[in-house]
Protein backbone atom coordinates (compact mmCIF):
# COMPACT_ATOMS: atom_id res chain seq x y z
CA MET A 1 -264.17 -184.94 120.21
CA GLY A 2 -267.29 -186.82 121.27
CA PHE A 3 -269.15 -186.01 124.45
CA ASP A 4 -271.60 -188.15 126.43
CA ALA A 5 -275.04 -186.58 126.76
CA ALA A 6 -275.50 -188.18 130.20
CA GLN A 7 -272.90 -185.96 131.89
CA PRO A 8 -272.30 -182.19 131.68
CA ILE A 9 -269.65 -181.32 129.08
CA TYR A 10 -267.62 -179.19 131.49
CA ARG A 11 -267.26 -182.23 133.81
CA GLN A 12 -266.12 -184.35 130.86
CA ILE A 13 -263.46 -181.75 130.00
CA ILE A 14 -262.19 -181.83 133.59
CA ASP A 15 -262.15 -185.65 133.55
CA ASP A 16 -260.21 -185.63 130.27
CA PHE A 17 -257.51 -183.35 131.74
CA ARG A 18 -257.51 -185.42 134.94
CA LYS A 19 -256.89 -188.63 132.96
CA LYS A 20 -254.08 -187.00 130.97
CA MET A 21 -252.41 -185.89 134.19
CA ILE A 22 -252.72 -189.35 135.75
CA ARG A 23 -251.26 -191.00 132.64
CA GLY A 24 -248.38 -188.53 132.64
CA GLU A 25 -249.35 -186.93 129.32
CA LEU A 26 -249.59 -183.60 131.17
CA THR A 27 -247.21 -182.71 133.98
CA ALA A 28 -246.71 -179.69 136.22
CA GLY A 29 -245.69 -176.66 134.19
CA ASP A 30 -247.15 -177.88 130.88
CA LYS A 31 -249.18 -175.26 129.02
CA ILE A 32 -252.70 -176.30 128.04
CA PRO A 33 -254.72 -174.82 125.15
CA SER A 34 -256.39 -171.48 125.69
CA GLN A 35 -260.10 -171.57 126.37
CA ARG A 36 -260.83 -170.31 122.86
CA GLU A 37 -258.49 -172.88 121.25
CA TYR A 38 -260.06 -175.73 123.21
CA ALA A 39 -263.59 -174.57 122.33
CA GLU A 40 -262.71 -174.47 118.63
CA TYR A 41 -260.97 -177.86 118.79
CA ALA A 42 -263.89 -179.54 120.57
CA CYS A 43 -266.59 -177.57 118.70
CA ILE A 44 -268.28 -176.45 121.91
CA ASN A 45 -269.37 -173.17 123.46
CA PRO A 46 -266.44 -171.17 124.91
CA ASN A 47 -268.49 -170.55 128.08
CA THR A 48 -268.52 -174.30 128.73
CA VAL A 49 -264.72 -174.42 128.47
CA GLN A 50 -264.44 -171.35 130.69
CA ARG A 51 -266.48 -173.10 133.38
CA ALA A 52 -264.28 -176.22 133.17
CA TYR A 53 -261.08 -174.16 133.44
CA ARG A 54 -262.50 -172.20 136.41
CA GLU A 55 -263.38 -175.45 138.16
CA MET A 56 -259.91 -176.87 137.48
CA GLU A 57 -258.36 -173.72 138.95
CA ALA A 58 -260.52 -174.06 142.05
CA MET A 59 -259.35 -177.69 142.32
CA LYS A 60 -255.72 -176.49 142.03
CA MET A 61 -255.20 -178.59 138.89
CA VAL A 62 -254.22 -175.62 136.71
CA GLU A 63 -253.07 -172.04 137.14
CA THR A 64 -253.77 -169.16 134.77
CA LEU A 65 -251.13 -166.49 134.42
CA ARG A 66 -252.53 -163.28 132.96
CA GLY A 67 -251.24 -162.73 129.44
CA GLN A 68 -249.26 -165.98 129.41
CA GLY A 69 -251.80 -168.79 129.44
CA THR A 70 -252.98 -171.67 131.58
CA TYR A 71 -250.54 -174.20 132.99
CA VAL A 72 -250.79 -177.52 134.79
CA ALA A 73 -250.17 -176.85 138.49
CA ILE A 74 -250.77 -180.29 139.96
CA THR A 75 -248.66 -181.29 142.94
CA PRO A 76 -247.48 -184.90 143.41
CA ASP A 77 -249.75 -185.24 146.46
CA LYS A 78 -252.80 -184.00 144.57
CA LEU A 79 -251.94 -186.28 141.64
CA GLU A 80 -251.80 -189.31 143.95
CA LEU A 81 -255.15 -188.33 145.45
CA MET A 82 -256.64 -188.06 141.94
CA ARG A 83 -255.29 -191.54 141.10
CA LYS A 84 -256.96 -193.02 144.16
CA GLU A 85 -260.26 -191.25 143.42
CA MET A 86 -260.18 -192.45 139.82
CA ALA A 87 -259.44 -196.04 140.92
CA ARG A 88 -262.41 -195.98 143.31
CA SER A 89 -264.80 -194.66 140.67
CA VAL A 90 -264.00 -197.42 138.15
């Protein structure tokens, strides 16, 4: 996975998940890779992934259930808001 040096990696991870949710590749209830799995897949520091996941939780995009994993928790209203934000930024 290639990252752009002009933007923090954790923001790029969030944007990647955001795009997948908007396109319907990830829907509410879908399990996403663990922080360690994502770090290994993307060849980046696990702390960077941890920051991205924390931010996504704060944004109510995902929910982490202790011992079970991290799941998409996006509501239809939040998804529509993300679509509009993404359309404005293009």
